[in-house]
Amino acid sequence: RSELRDLASEVEWAKATLVTPEDYP
């Protein structure tokens, strides 16, 4: 559950900062 929450938070950060999957790294 902890890993899932952390990964969900990372996706949330990316979308909130207008970062696409390609630009994420």
PDBML (XML) file of the C-alpha atoms, coordinates in Angstrom:
<?xml version="1.0" encoding="UTF-8" ?>
<PDBx:datablock datablockName="MODEL"
   xmlns:PDBx="http://pdbml.pdb.org/schema/pdbx-v50.xsd"
   xmlns:xsi="http://www.w3.org/2001/XMLSchema-instance"
   xsi:schemaLocation="http://pdbml.pdb.org/schema/pdbx-v50.xsd pdbx-v50.xsd">
   <PDBx:atom_siteCategory>
      <PDBx:atom_site id="1">
         <PDBx:B_iso_or_equiv>0.00</PDBx:B_iso_or_equiv>
         <PDBx:Cartn_x>0.000</PDBx:Cartn_x>
         <PDBx:Cartn_y>0.000</PDBx:Cartn_y>
         <PDBx:Cartn_z>0.000</PDBx:Cartn_z>
         <PDBx:auth_asym_id>A</PDBx:auth_asym_id>
         <PDBx:auth_atom_id>CA</PDBx:auth_atom_id>
         <PDBx:auth_comp_id>ARG</PDBx:auth_comp_id>
         <PDBx:auth_seq_id>1</PDBx:auth_seq_id>
         <PDBx:group_PDB>ATOM</PDBx:group_PDB>
         <PDBx:label_alt_id xsi:nil="true" />
         <PDBx:label_asym_id>A</PDBx:label_asym_id>
         <PDBx:label_atom_id>CA</PDBx:label_atom_id>
         <PDBx:label_comp_id>ARG</PDBx:label_comp_id>
         <PDBx:label_entity_id>1</PDBx:label_entity_id>
         <PDBx:label_seq_id>1</PDBx:label_seq_id>
         <PDBx:occupancy>1.00</PDBx:occupancy>
         <PDBx:pdbx_PDB_model_num>1</PDBx:pdbx_PDB_model_num>
         <PDBx:type_symbol>C</PDBx:type_symbol>
      </PDBx:atom_site>
      <PDBx:atom_site id="2">
         <PDBx:B_iso_or_equiv>0.00</PDBx:B_iso_or_equiv>
         <PDBx:Cartn_x>2.839</PDBx:Cartn_x>
         <PDBx:Cartn_y>2.381</PDBx:Cartn_y>
         <PDBx:Cartn_z>0.803</PDBx:Cartn_z>
         <PDBx:auth_asym_id>A</PDBx:auth_asym_id>
         <PDBx:auth_atom_id>CA</PDBx:auth_atom_id>
         <PDBx:auth_comp_id>SER</PDBx:auth_comp_id>
         <PDBx:auth_seq_id>2</PDBx:auth_seq_id>
         <PDBx:group_PDB>ATOM</PDBx:group_PDB>
         <PDBx:label_alt_id xsi:nil="true" />
         <PDBx:label_asym_id>A</PDBx:label_asym_id>
         <PDBx:label_atom_id>CA</PDBx:label_atom_id>
         <PDBx:label_comp_id>SER</PDBx:label_comp_id>
         <PDBx:label_entity_id>1</PDBx:label_entity_id>
         <PDBx:label_seq_id>2</PDBx:label_seq_id>
         <PDBx:occupancy>1.00</PDBx:occupancy>
         <PDBx:pdbx_PDB_model_num>1</PDBx:pdbx_PDB_model_num>
         <PDBx:type_symbol>C</PDBx:type_symbol>
      </PDBx:atom_site>
      <PDBx:atom_site id="3">
         <PDBx:B_iso_or_equiv>0.00</PDBx:B_iso_or_equiv>
         <PDBx:Cartn_x>4.472</PDBx:Cartn_x>
         <PDBx:Cartn_y>1.916</PDBx:Cartn_y>
         <PDBx:Cartn_z>-2.607</PDBx:Cartn_z>
         <PDBx:auth_asym_id>A</PDBx:auth_asym_id>
         <PDBx:auth_atom_id>CA</PDBx:auth_atom_id>
         <PDBx:auth_comp_id>GLU</PDBx:auth_comp_id>
         <PDBx:auth_seq_id>3</PDBx:auth_seq_id>
         <PDBx:group_PDB>ATOM</PDBx:group_PDB>
         <PDBx:label_alt_id xsi:nil="true" />
         <PDBx:label_asym_id>A</PDBx:label_asym_id>
         <PDBx:label_atom_id>CA</PDBx:label_atom_id>
         <PDBx:label_comp_id>GLU</PDBx:label_comp_id>
         <PDBx:label_entity_id>1</PDBx:label_entity_id>
         <PDBx:label_seq_id>3</PDBx:label_seq_id>
         <PDBx:occupancy>1.00</PDBx:occupancy>
         <PDBx:pdbx_PDB_model_num>1</PDBx:pdbx_PDB_model_num>
         <PDBx:type_symbol>C</PDBx:type_symbol>
      </PDBx:atom_site>
      <PDBx:atom_site id="4">
         <PDBx:B_iso_or_equiv>0.00</PDBx:B_iso_or_equiv>
         <PDBx:Cartn_x>1.152</PDBx:Cartn_x>
         <PDBx:Cartn_y>2.428</PDBx:Cartn_y>
         <PDBx:Cartn_z>-4.367</PDBx:Cartn_z>
         <PDBx:auth_asym_id>A</PDBx:auth_asym_id>
         <PDBx:auth_atom_id>CA</PDBx:auth_atom_id>
         <PDBx:auth_comp_id>LEU</PDBx:auth_comp_id>
         <PDBx:auth_seq_id>4</PDBx:auth_seq_id>
         <PDBx:group_PDB>ATOM</PDBx:group_PDB>
         <PDBx:label_alt_id xsi:nil="true" />
         <PDBx:label_asym_id>A</PDBx:label_asym_id>
         <PDBx:label_atom_id>CA</PDBx:label_atom_id>
         <PDBx:label_comp_id>LEU</PDBx:label_comp_id>
         <PDBx:label_entity_id>1</PDBx:label_entity_id>
         <PDBx:label_seq_id>4</PDBx:label_seq_id>
         <PDBx:occupancy>1.00</PDBx:occupancy>
         <PDBx:pdbx_PDB_model_num>1</PDBx:pdbx_PDB_model_num>
         <PDBx:type_symbol>C</PDBx:type_symbol>
      </PDBx:atom_site>
      <PDBx:atom_site id="5">
         <PDBx:B_iso_or_equiv>0.00</PDBx:B_iso_or_equiv>
         <PDBx:Cartn_x>0.536</PDBx:Cartn_x>
         <PDBx:Cartn_y>5.679</PDBx:Cartn_y>
         <PDBx:Cartn_z>-2.468</PDBx:Cartn_z>
         <PDBx:auth_asym_id>A</PDBx:auth_asym_id>
         <PDBx:auth_atom_id>CA</PDBx:auth_atom_id>
         <PDBx:auth_comp_id>ARG</PDBx:auth_comp_id>
         <PDBx:auth_seq_id>5</PDBx:auth_seq_id>
         <PDBx:group_PDB>ATOM</PDBx:group_PDB>
         <PDBx:label_alt_id xsi:nil="true" />
         <PDBx:label_asym_id>A</PDBx:label_asym_id>
         <PDBx:label_atom_id>CA</PDBx:label_atom_id>
         <PDBx:label_comp_id>ARG</PDBx:label_comp_id>
         <PDBx:label_entity_id>1</PDBx:label_entity_id>
         <PDBx:label_seq_id>5</PDBx:label_seq_id>
         <PDBx:occupancy>1.00</PDBx:occupancy>
         <PDBx:pdbx_PDB_model_num>1</PDBx:pdbx_PDB_model_num>
         <PDBx:type_symbol>C</PDBx:type_symbol>
      </PDBx:atom_site>
      <PDBx:atom_site id="6">
         <PDBx:B_iso_or_equiv>0.00</PDBx:B_iso_or_equiv>
         <PDBx:Cartn_x>4.042</PDBx:Cartn_x>
         <PDBx:Cartn_y>6.947</PDBx:Cartn_y>
         <PDBx:Cartn_z>-3.238</PDBx:Cartn_z>
         <PDBx:auth_asym_id>A</PDBx:auth_asym_id>
         <PDBx:auth_atom_id>CA</PDBx:auth_atom_id>
         <PDBx:auth_comp_id>ASP</PDBx:auth_comp_id>
         <PDBx:auth_seq_id>6</PDBx:auth_seq_id>
         <PDBx:group_PDB>ATOM</PDBx:group_PDB>
         <PDBx:label_alt_id xsi:nil="true" />
         <PDBx:label_asym_id>A</PDBx:label_asym_id>
         <PDBx:label_atom_id>CA</PDBx:label_atom_id>
         <PDBx:label_comp_id>ASP</PDBx:label_comp_id>
         <PDBx:label_entity_id>1</PDBx:label_entity_id>
         <PDBx:label_seq_id>6</PDBx:label_seq_id>
         <PDBx:occupancy>1.00</PDBx:occupancy>
         <PDBx:pdbx_PDB_model_num>1</PDBx:pdbx_PDB_model_num>
         <PDBx:type_symbol>C</PDBx:type_symbol>
      </PDBx:atom_site>
      <PDBx:atom_site id="7">
         <PDBx:B_iso_or_equiv>0.00</PDBx:B_iso_or_equiv>
         <PDBx:Cartn_x>3.688</PDBx:Cartn_x>
         <PDBx:Cartn_y>6.168</PDBx:Cartn_y>
         <PDBx:Cartn_z>-6.942</PDBx:Cartn_z>
         <PDBx:auth_asym_id>A</PDBx:auth_asym_id>
         <PDBx:auth_atom_id>CA</PDBx:auth_atom_id>
         <PDBx:auth_comp_id>LEU</PDBx:auth_comp_id>
         <PDBx:auth_seq_id>7</PDBx:auth_seq_id>
         <PDBx:group_PDB>ATOM</PDBx:group_PDB>
         <PDBx:label_alt_id xsi:nil="true" />
         <PDBx:label_asym_id>A</PDBx:label_asym_id>
         <PDBx:label_atom_id>CA</PDBx:label_atom_id>
         <PDBx:label_comp_id>LEU</PDBx:label_comp_id>
         <PDBx:label_entity_id>1</PDBx:label_entity_id>
         <PDBx:label_seq_id>7</PDBx:label_seq_id>
         <PDBx:occupancy>1.00</PDBx:occupancy>
         <PDBx:pdbx_PDB_model_num>1</PDBx:pdbx_PDB_model_num>
         <PDBx:type_symbol>C</PDBx:type_symbol>
      </PDBx:atom_site>
      <PDBx:atom_site id="8">
         <PDBx:B_iso_or_equiv>0.00</PDBx:B_iso_or_equiv>
         <PDBx:Cartn_x>0.240</PDBx:Cartn_x>
         <PDBx:Cartn_y>7.763</PDBx:Cartn_y>
         <PDBx:Cartn_z>-7.068</PDBx:Cartn_z>
         <PDBx:auth_asym_id>A</PDBx:auth_asym_id>
         <PDBx:auth_atom_id>CA</PDBx:auth_atom_id>
         <PDBx:auth_comp_id>ALA</PDBx:auth_comp_id>
         <PDBx:auth_seq_id>8</PDBx:auth_seq_id>
         <PDBx:group_PDB>ATOM</PDBx:group_PDB>
         <PDBx:label_alt_id xsi:nil="true" />
         <PDBx:label_asym_id>A</PDBx:label_asym_id>
         <PDBx:label_atom_id>CA</PDBx:label_atom_id>
         <PDBx:label_comp_id>ALA</PDBx:label_comp_id>
         <PDBx:label_entity_id>1</PDBx:label_entity_id>
         <PDBx:label_seq_id>8</PDBx:label_seq_id>
         <PDBx:occupancy>1.00</PDBx:occupancy>
         <PDBx:pdbx_PDB_model_num>1</PDBx:pdbx_PDB_model_num>
         <PDBx:type_symbol>C</PDBx:type_symbol>
      </PDBx:atom_site>
      <PDBx:atom_site id="9">
         <PDBx:B_iso_or_equiv>0.00</PDBx:B_iso_or_equiv>
         <PDBx:Cartn_x>1.699</PDBx:Cartn_x>
         <PDBx:Cartn_y>10.885</PDBx:Cartn_y>
         <PDBx:Cartn_z>-5.445</PDBx:Cartn_z>
         <PDBx:auth_asym_id>A</PDBx:auth_asym_id>
         <PDBx:auth_atom_id>CA</PDBx:auth_atom_id>
         <PDBx:auth_comp_id>SER</PDBx:auth_comp_id>
         <PDBx:auth_seq_id>9</PDBx:auth_seq_id>
         <PDBx:group_PDB>ATOM</PDBx:group_PDB>
         <PDBx:label_alt_id xsi:nil="true" />
         <PDBx:label_asym_id>A</PDBx:label_asym_id>
         <PDBx:label_atom_id>CA</PDBx:label_atom_id>
         <PDBx:label_comp_id>SER</PDBx:label_comp_id>
         <PDBx:label_entity_id>1</PDBx:label_entity_id>
         <PDBx:label_seq_id>9</PDBx:label_seq_id>
         <PDBx:occupancy>1.00</PDBx:occupancy>
         <PDBx:pdbx_PDB_model_num>1</PDBx:pdbx_PDB_model_num>
         <PDBx:type_symbol>C</PDBx:type_symbol>
      </PDBx:atom_site>
      <PDBx:atom_site id="10">
         <PDBx:B_iso_or_equiv>0.00</PDBx:B_iso_or_equiv>
         <PDBx:Cartn_x>4.457</PDBx:Cartn_x>
         <PDBx:Cartn_y>10.971</PDBx:Cartn_y>
         <PDBx:Cartn_z>-8.051</PDBx:Cartn_z>
         <PDBx:auth_asym_id>A</PDBx:auth_asym_id>
         <PDBx:auth_atom_id>CA</PDBx:auth_atom_id>
         <PDBx:auth_comp_id>GLU</PDBx:auth_comp_id>
         <PDBx:auth_seq_id>10</PDBx:auth_seq_id>
         <PDBx:group_PDB>ATOM</PDBx:group_PDB>
         <PDBx:label_alt_id xsi:nil="true" />
         <PDBx:label_asym_id>A</PDBx:label_asym_id>
         <PDBx:label_atom_id>CA</PDBx:label_atom_id>
         <PDBx:label_comp_id>GLU</PDBx:label_comp_id>
         <PDBx:label_entity_id>1</PDBx:label_entity_id>
         <PDBx:label_seq_id>10</PDBx:label_seq_id>
         <PDBx:occupancy>1.00</PDBx:occupancy>
         <PDBx:pdbx_PDB_model_num>1</PDBx:pdbx_PDB_model_num>
         <PDBx:type_symbol>C</PDBx:type_symbol>
      </PDBx:atom_site>
      <PDBx:atom_site id="11">
         <PDBx:B_iso_or_equiv>0.00</PDBx:B_iso_or_equiv>
         <PDBx:Cartn_x>1.917</PDBx:Cartn_x>
         <PDBx:Cartn_y>10.798</PDBx:Cartn_y>
         <PDBx:Cartn_z>-10.887</PDBx:Cartn_z>
         <PDBx:auth_asym_id>A</PDBx:auth_asym_id>
         <PDBx:auth_atom_id>CA</PDBx:auth_atom_id>
         <PDBx:auth_comp_id>VAL</PDBx:auth_comp_id>
         <PDBx:auth_seq_id>11</PDBx:auth_seq_id>
         <PDBx:group_PDB>ATOM</PDBx:group_PDB>
         <PDBx:label_alt_id xsi:nil="true" />
         <PDBx:label_asym_id>A</PDBx:label_asym_id>
         <PDBx:label_atom_id>CA</PDBx:label_atom_id>
         <PDBx:label_comp_id>VAL</PDBx:label_comp_id>
         <PDBx:label_entity_id>1</PDBx:label_entity_id>
         <PDBx:label_seq_id>11</PDBx:label_seq_id>
         <PDBx:occupancy>1.00</PDBx:occupancy>
         <PDBx:pdbx_PDB_model_num>1</PDBx:pdbx_PDB_model_num>
         <PDBx:type_symbol>C</PDBx:type_symbol>
      </PDBx:atom_site>
      <PDBx:atom_site id="12">
         <PDBx:B_iso_or_equiv>0.00</PDBx:B_iso_or_equiv>
         <PDBx:Cartn_x>-0.039</PDBx:Cartn_x>
         <PDBx:Cartn_y>13.573</PDBx:Cartn_y>
         <PDBx:Cartn_z>-9.174</PDBx:Cartn_z>
         <PDBx:auth_asym_id>A</PDBx:auth_asym_id>
         <PDBx:auth_atom_id>CA</PDBx:auth_atom_id>
         <PDBx:auth_comp_id>GLU</PDBx:auth_comp_id>
         <PDBx:auth_seq_id>12</PDBx:auth_seq_id>
         <PDBx:group_PDB>ATOM</PDBx:group_PDB>
         <PDBx:label_alt_id xsi:nil="true" />
         <PDBx:label_asym_id>A</PDBx:label_asym_id>
         <PDBx:label_atom_id>CA</PDBx:label_atom_id>
         <PDBx:label_comp_id>GLU</PDBx:label_comp_id>
         <PDBx:label_entity_id>1</PDBx:label_entity_id>
         <PDBx:label_seq_id>12</PDBx:label_seq_id>
         <PDBx:occupancy>1.00</PDBx:occupancy>
         <PDBx:pdbx_PDB_model_num>1</PDBx:pdbx_PDB_model_num>
         <PDBx:type_symbol>C</PDBx:type_symbol>
      </PDBx:atom_site>
      <PDBx:atom_site id="13">
         <PDBx:B_iso_or_equiv>0.00</PDBx:B_iso_or_equiv>
         <PDBx:Cartn_x>3.113</PDBx:Cartn_x>
         <PDBx:Cartn_y>15.739</PDBx:Cartn_y>
         <PDBx:Cartn_z>-8.952</PDBx:Cartn_z>
         <PDBx:auth_asym_id>A</PDBx:auth_asym_id>
         <PDBx:auth_atom_id>CA</PDBx:auth_atom_id>
         <PDBx:auth_comp_id>TRP</PDBx:auth_comp_id>
         <PDBx:auth_seq_id>13</PDBx:auth_seq_id>
         <PDBx:group_PDB>ATOM</PDBx:group_PDB>
         <PDBx:label_alt_id xsi:nil="true" />
         <PDBx:label_asym_id>A</PDBx:label_asym_id>
         <PDBx:label_atom_id>CA</PDBx:label_atom_id>
         <PDBx:label_comp_id>TRP</PDBx:label_comp_id>
         <PDBx:label_entity_id>1</PDBx:label_entity_id>
         <PDBx:label_seq_id>13</PDBx:label_seq_id>
         <PDBx:occupancy>1.00</PDBx:occupancy>
         <PDBx:pdbx_PDB_model_num>1</PDBx:pdbx_PDB_model_num>
         <PDBx:type_symbol>C</PDBx:type_symbol>
      </PDBx:atom_site>
      <PDBx:atom_site id="14">
         <PDBx:B_iso_or_equiv>0.00</PDBx:B_iso_or_equiv>
         <PDBx:Cartn_x>3.883</PDBx:Cartn_x>
         <PDBx:Cartn_y>15.168</PDBx:Cartn_y>
         <PDBx:Cartn_z>-12.623</PDBx:Cartn_z>
         <PDBx:auth_asym_id>A</PDBx:auth_asym_id>
         <PDBx:auth_atom_id>CA</PDBx:auth_atom_id>
         <PDBx:auth_comp_id>ALA</PDBx:auth_comp_id>
         <PDBx:auth_seq_id>14</PDBx:auth_seq_id>
         <PDBx:group_PDB>ATOM</PDBx:group_PDB>
         <PDBx:label_alt_id xsi:nil="true" />
         <PDBx:label_asym_id>A</PDBx:label_asym_id>
         <PDBx:label_atom_id>CA</PDBx:label_atom_id>
         <PDBx:label_comp_id>ALA</PDBx:label_comp_id>
         <PDBx:label_entity_id>1</PDBx:label_entity_id>
         <PDBx:label_seq_id>14</PDBx:label_seq_id>
         <PDBx:occupancy>1.00</PDBx:occupancy>
         <PDBx:pdbx_PDB_model_num>1</PDBx:pdbx_PDB_model_num>
         <PDBx:type_symbol>C</PDBx:type_symbol>
      </PDBx:atom_site>
      <PDBx:atom_site id="15">
         <PDBx:B_iso_or_equiv>0.00</PDBx:B_iso_or_equiv>
         <PDBx:Cartn_x>0.404</PDBx:Cartn_x>
         <PDBx:Cartn_y>16.127</PDBx:Cartn_y>
         <PDBx:Cartn_z>-13.783</PDBx:Cartn_z>
         <PDBx:auth_asym_id>A</PDBx:auth_asym_id>
         <PDBx:auth_atom_id>CA</PDBx:auth_atom_id>
         <PDBx:auth_comp_id>LYS</PDBx:auth_comp_id>
         <PDBx:auth_seq_id>15</PDBx:auth_seq_id>
         <PDBx:group_PDB>ATOM</PDBx:group_PDB>
         <PDBx:label_alt_id xsi:nil="true" />
         <PDBx:label_asym_id>A</PDBx:label_asym_id>
         <PDBx:label_atom_id>CA</PDBx:label_atom_id>
         <PDBx:label_comp_id>LYS</PDBx:label_comp_id>
         <PDBx:label_entity_id>1</PDBx:label_entity_id>
         <PDBx:label_seq_id>15</PDBx:label_seq_id>
         <PDBx:occupancy>1.00</PDBx:occupancy>
         <PDBx:pdbx_PDB_model_num>1</PDBx:pdbx_PDB_model_num>
         <PDBx:type_symbol>C</PDBx:type_symbol>
      </PDBx:atom_site>
      <PDBx:atom_site id="16">
         <PDBx:B_iso_or_equiv>0.00</PDBx:B_iso_or_equiv>
         <PDBx:Cartn_x>0.243</PDBx:Cartn_x>
         <PDBx:Cartn_y>19.137</PDBx:Cartn_y>
         <PDBx:Cartn_z>-11.450</PDBx:Cartn_z>
         <PDBx:auth_asym_id>A</PDBx:auth_asym_id>
         <PDBx:auth_atom_id>CA</PDBx:auth_atom_id>
         <PDBx:auth_comp_id>ALA</PDBx:auth_comp_id>
         <PDBx:auth_seq_id>16</PDBx:auth_seq_id>
         <PDBx:group_PDB>ATOM</PDBx:group_PDB>
         <PDBx:label_alt_id xsi:nil="true" />
         <PDBx:label_asym_id>A</PDBx:label_asym_id>
         <PDBx:label_atom_id>CA</PDBx:label_atom_id>
         <PDBx:label_comp_id>ALA</PDBx:label_comp_id>
         <PDBx:label_entity_id>1</PDBx:label_entity_id>
         <PDBx:label_seq_id>16</PDBx:label_seq_id>
         <PDBx:occupancy>1.00</PDBx:occupancy>
         <PDBx:pdbx_PDB_model_num>1</PDBx:pdbx_PDB_model_num>
         <PDBx:type_symbol>C</PDBx:type_symbol>
      </PDBx:atom_site>
      <PDBx:atom_site id="17">
         <PDBx:B_iso_or_equiv>0.00</PDBx:B_iso_or_equiv>
         <PDBx:Cartn_x>3.531</PDBx:Cartn_x>
         <PDBx:Cartn_y>20.429</PDBx:Cartn_y>
         <PDBx:Cartn_z>-12.859</PDBx:Cartn_z>
         <PDBx:auth_asym_id>A</PDBx:auth_asym_id>
         <PDBx:auth_atom_id>CA</PDBx:auth_atom_id>
         <PDBx:auth_comp_id>THR</PDBx:auth_comp_id>
         <PDBx:auth_seq_id>17</PDBx:auth_seq_id>
         <PDBx:group_PDB>ATOM</PDBx:group_PDB>
         <PDBx:label_alt_id xsi:nil="true" />
         <PDBx:label_asym_id>A</PDBx:label_asym_id>
         <PDBx:label_atom_id>CA</PDBx:label_atom_id>
         <PDBx:label_comp_id>THR</PDBx:label_comp_id>
         <PDBx:label_entity_id>1</PDBx:label_entity_id>
         <PDBx:label_seq_id>17</PDBx:label_seq_id>
         <PDBx:occupancy>1.00</PDBx:occupancy>
         <PDBx:pdbx_PDB_model_num>1</PDBx:pdbx_PDB_model_num>
         <PDBx:type_symbol>C</PDBx:type_symbol>
      </PDBx:atom_site>
      <PDBx:atom_site id="18">
         <PDBx:B_iso_or_equiv>0.00</PDBx:B_iso_or_equiv>
         <PDBx:Cartn_x>2.473</PDBx:Cartn_x>
         <PDBx:Cartn_y>19.735</PDBx:Cartn_y>
         <PDBx:Cartn_z>-16.495</PDBx:Cartn_z>
         <PDBx:auth_asym_id>A</PDBx:auth_asym_id>
         <PDBx:auth_atom_id>CA</PDBx:auth_atom_id>
         <PDBx:auth_comp_id>LEU</PDBx:auth_comp_id>
         <PDBx:auth_seq_id>18</PDBx:auth_seq_id>
         <PDBx:group_PDB>ATOM</PDBx:group_PDB>
         <PDBx:label_alt_id xsi:nil="true" />
         <PDBx:label_asym_id>A</PDBx:label_asym_id>
         <PDBx:label_atom_id>CA</PDBx:label_atom_id>
         <PDBx:label_comp_id>LEU</PDBx:label_comp_id>
         <PDBx:label_entity_id>1</PDBx:label_entity_id>
         <PDBx:label_seq_id>18</PDBx:label_seq_id>
         <PDBx:occupancy>1.00</PDBx:occupancy>
         <PDBx:pdbx_PDB_model_num>1</PDBx:pdbx_PDB_model_num>
         <PDBx:type_symbol>C</PDBx:type_symbol>
      </PDBx:atom_site>
      <PDBx:atom_site id="19">
         <PDBx:B_iso_or_equiv>0.00</PDBx:B_iso_or_equiv>
         <PDBx:Cartn_x>5.125</PDBx:Cartn_x>
         <PDBx:Cartn_y>17.044</PDBx:Cartn_y>
         <PDBx:Cartn_z>-16.956</PDBx:Cartn_z>
         <PDBx:auth_asym_id>A</PDBx:auth_asym_id>
         <PDBx:auth_atom_id>CA</PDBx:auth_atom_id>
         <PDBx:auth_comp_id>VAL</PDBx:auth_comp_id>
         <PDBx:auth_seq_id>19</PDBx:auth_seq_id>
         <PDBx:group_PDB>ATOM</PDBx:group_PDB>
         <PDBx:label_alt_id xsi:nil="true" />
         <PDBx:label_asym_id>A</PDBx:label_asym_id>
         <PDBx:label_atom_id>CA</PDBx:label_atom_id>
         <PDBx:label_comp_id>VAL</PDBx:label_comp_id>
         <PDBx:label_entity_id>1</PDBx:label_entity_id>
         <PDBx:label_seq_id>19</PDBx:label_seq_id>
         <PDBx:occupancy>1.00</PDBx:occupancy>
         <PDBx:pdbx_PDB_model_num>1</PDBx:pdbx_PDB_model_num>
         <PDBx:type_symbol>C</PDBx:type_symbol>
      </PDBx:atom_site>
      <PDBx:atom_site id="20">
         <PDBx:B_iso_or_equiv>0.00</PDBx:B_iso_or_equiv>
         <PDBx:Cartn_x>4.365</PDBx:Cartn_x>
         <PDBx:Cartn_y>14.286</PDBx:Cartn_y>
         <PDBx:Cartn_z>-19.490</PDBx:Cartn_z>
         <PDBx:auth_asym_id>A</PDBx:auth_asym_id>
         <PDBx:auth_atom_id>CA</PDBx:auth_atom_id>
         <PDBx:auth_comp_id>THR</PDBx:auth_comp_id>
         <PDBx:auth_seq_id>20</PDBx:auth_seq_id>
         <PDBx:group_PDB>ATOM</PDBx:group_PDB>
         <PDBx:label_alt_id xsi:nil="true" />
         <PDBx:label_asym_id>A</PDBx:label_asym_id>
         <PDBx:label_atom_id>CA</PDBx:label_atom_id>
         <PDBx:label_comp_id>THR</PDBx:label_comp_id>
         <PDBx:label_entity_id>1</PDBx:label_entity_id>
         <PDBx:label_seq_id>20</PDBx:label_seq_id>
         <PDBx:occupancy>1.00</PDBx:occupancy>
         <PDBx:pdbx_PDB_model_num>1</PDBx:pdbx_PDB_model_num>
         <PDBx:type_symbol>C</PDBx:type_symbol>
      </PDBx:atom_site>
      <PDBx:atom_site id="21">
         <PDBx:B_iso_or_equiv>0.00</PDBx:B_iso_or_equiv>
         <PDBx:Cartn_x>5.532</PDBx:Cartn_x>
         <PDBx:Cartn_y>10.662</PDBx:Cartn_y>
         <PDBx:Cartn_z>-19.108</PDBx:Cartn_z>
         <PDBx:auth_asym_id>A</PDBx:auth_asym_id>
         <PDBx:auth_atom_id>CA</PDBx:auth_atom_id>
         <PDBx:auth_comp_id>PRO</PDBx:auth_comp_id>
         <PDBx:auth_seq_id>21</PDBx:auth_seq_id>
         <PDBx:group_PDB>ATOM</PDBx:group_PDB>
         <PDBx:label_alt_id xsi:nil="true" />
         <PDBx:label_asym_id>A</PDBx:label_asym_id>
         <PDBx:label_atom_id>CA</PDBx:label_atom_id>
         <PDBx:label_comp_id>PRO</PDBx:label_comp_id>
         <PDBx:label_entity_id>1</PDBx:label_entity_id>
         <PDBx:label_seq_id>21</PDBx:label_seq_id>
         <PDBx:occupancy>1.00</PDBx:occupancy>
         <PDBx:pdbx_PDB_model_num>1</PDBx:pdbx_PDB_model_num>
         <PDBx:type_symbol>C</PDBx:type_symbol>
      </PDBx:atom_site>
      <PDBx:atom_site id="22">
         <PDBx:B_iso_or_equiv>0.00</PDBx:B_iso_or_equiv>
         <PDBx:Cartn_x>8.185</PDBx:Cartn_x>
         <PDBx:Cartn_y>11.295</PDBx:Cartn_y>
         <PDBx:Cartn_z>-21.770</PDBx:Cartn_z>
         <PDBx:auth_asym_id>A</PDBx:auth_asym_id>
         <PDBx:auth_atom_id>CA</PDBx:auth_atom_id>
         <PDBx:auth_comp_id>GLU</PDBx:auth_comp_id>
         <PDBx:auth_seq_id>22</PDBx:auth_seq_id>
         <PDBx:group_PDB>ATOM</PDBx:group_PDB>
         <PDBx:label_alt_id xsi:nil="true" />
         <PDBx:label_asym_id>A</PDBx:label_asym_id>
         <PDBx:label_atom_id>CA</PDBx:label_atom_id>
         <PDBx:label_comp_id>GLU</PDBx:label_comp_id>
         <PDBx:label_entity_id>1</PDBx:label_entity_id>
         <PDBx:label_seq_id>22</PDBx:label_seq_id>
         <PDBx:occupancy>1.00</PDBx:occupancy>
         <PDBx:pdbx_PDB_model_num>1</PDBx:pdbx_PDB_model_num>
         <PDBx:type_symbol>C</PDBx:type_symbol>
      </PDBx:atom_site>
      <PDBx:atom_site id="23">
         <PDBx:B_iso_or_equiv>0.00</PDBx:B_iso_or_equiv>
         <PDBx:Cartn_x>9.580</PDBx:Cartn_x>
         <PDBx:Cartn_y>14.303</PDBx:Cartn_y>
         <PDBx:Cartn_z>-19.908</PDBx:Cartn_z>
         <PDBx:auth_asym_id>A</PDBx:auth_asym_id>
         <PDBx:auth_atom_id>CA</PDBx:auth_atom_id>
         <PDBx:auth_comp_id>ASP</PDBx:auth_comp_id>
         <PDBx:auth_seq_id>23</PDBx:auth_seq_id>
         <PDBx:group_PDB>ATOM</PDBx:group_PDB>
         <PDBx:label_alt_id xsi:nil="true" />
         <PDBx:label_asym_id>A</PDBx:label_asym_id>
         <PDBx:label_atom_id>CA</PDBx:label_atom_id>
         <PDBx:label_comp_id>ASP</PDBx:label_comp_id>
         <PDBx:label_entity_id>1</PDBx:label_entity_id>
         <PDBx:label_seq_id>23</PDBx:label_seq_id>
         <PDBx:occupancy>1.00</PDBx:occupancy>
         <PDBx:pdbx_PDB_model_num>1</PDBx:pdbx_PDB_model_num>
         <PDBx:type_symbol>C</PDBx:type_symbol>
      </PDBx:atom_site>
      <PDBx:atom_site id="24">
         <PDBx:B_iso_or_equiv>0.00</PDBx:B_iso_or_equiv>
         <PDBx:Cartn_x>9.300</PDBx:Cartn_x>
         <PDBx:Cartn_y>12.814</PDBx:Cartn_y>
         <PDBx:Cartn_z>-16.434</PDBx:Cartn_z>
         <PDBx:auth_asym_id>A</PDBx:auth_asym_id>
         <PDBx:auth_atom_id>CA</PDBx:auth_atom_id>
         <PDBx:auth_comp_id>TYR</PDBx:auth_comp_id>
         <PDBx:auth_seq_id>24</PDBx:auth_seq_id>
         <PDBx:group_PDB>ATOM</PDBx:group_PDB>
         <PDBx:label_alt_id xsi:nil="true" />
         <PDBx:label_asym_id>A</PDBx:label_asym_id>
         <PDBx:label_atom_id>CA</PDBx:label_atom_id>
         <PDBx:label_comp_id>TYR</PDBx:label_comp_id>
         <PDBx:label_entity_id>1</PDBx:label_entity_id>
         <PDBx:label_seq_id>24</PDBx:label_seq_id>
         <PDBx:occupancy>1.00</PDBx:occupancy>
         <PDBx:pdbx_PDB_model_num>1</PDBx:pdbx_PDB_model_num>
         <PDBx:type_symbol>C</PDBx:type_symbol>
      </PDBx:atom_site>
      <PDBx:atom_site id="25">
         <PDBx:B_iso_or_equiv>0.00</PDBx:B_iso_or_equiv>
         <PDBx:Cartn_x>12.862</PDBx:Cartn_x>
         <PDBx:Cartn_y>11.390</PDBx:Cartn_y>
         <PDBx:Cartn_z>-15.965</PDBx:Cartn_z>
         <PDBx:auth_asym_id>A</PDBx:auth_asym_id>
         <PDBx:auth_atom_id>CA</PDBx:auth_atom_id>
         <PDBx:auth_comp_id>PRO</PDBx:auth_comp_id>
         <PDBx:auth_seq_id>25</PDBx:auth_seq_id>
         <PDBx:group_PDB>ATOM</PDBx:group_PDB>
         <PDBx:label_alt_id xsi:nil="true" />
         <PDBx:label_asym_id>A</PDBx:label_asym_id>
         <PDBx:label_atom_id>CA</PDBx:label_atom_id>
         <PDBx:label_comp_id>PRO</PDBx:label_comp_id>
         <PDBx:label_entity_id>1</PDBx:label_entity_id>
         <PDBx:label_seq_id>25</PDBx:label_seq_id>
         <PDBx:occupancy>1.00</PDBx:occupancy>
         <PDBx:pdbx_PDB_model_num>1</PDBx:pdbx_PDB_model_num>
         <PDBx:type_symbol>C</PDBx:type_symbol>
      </PDBx:atom_site>
   </PDBx:atom_siteCategory>
</PDBx:datablock>
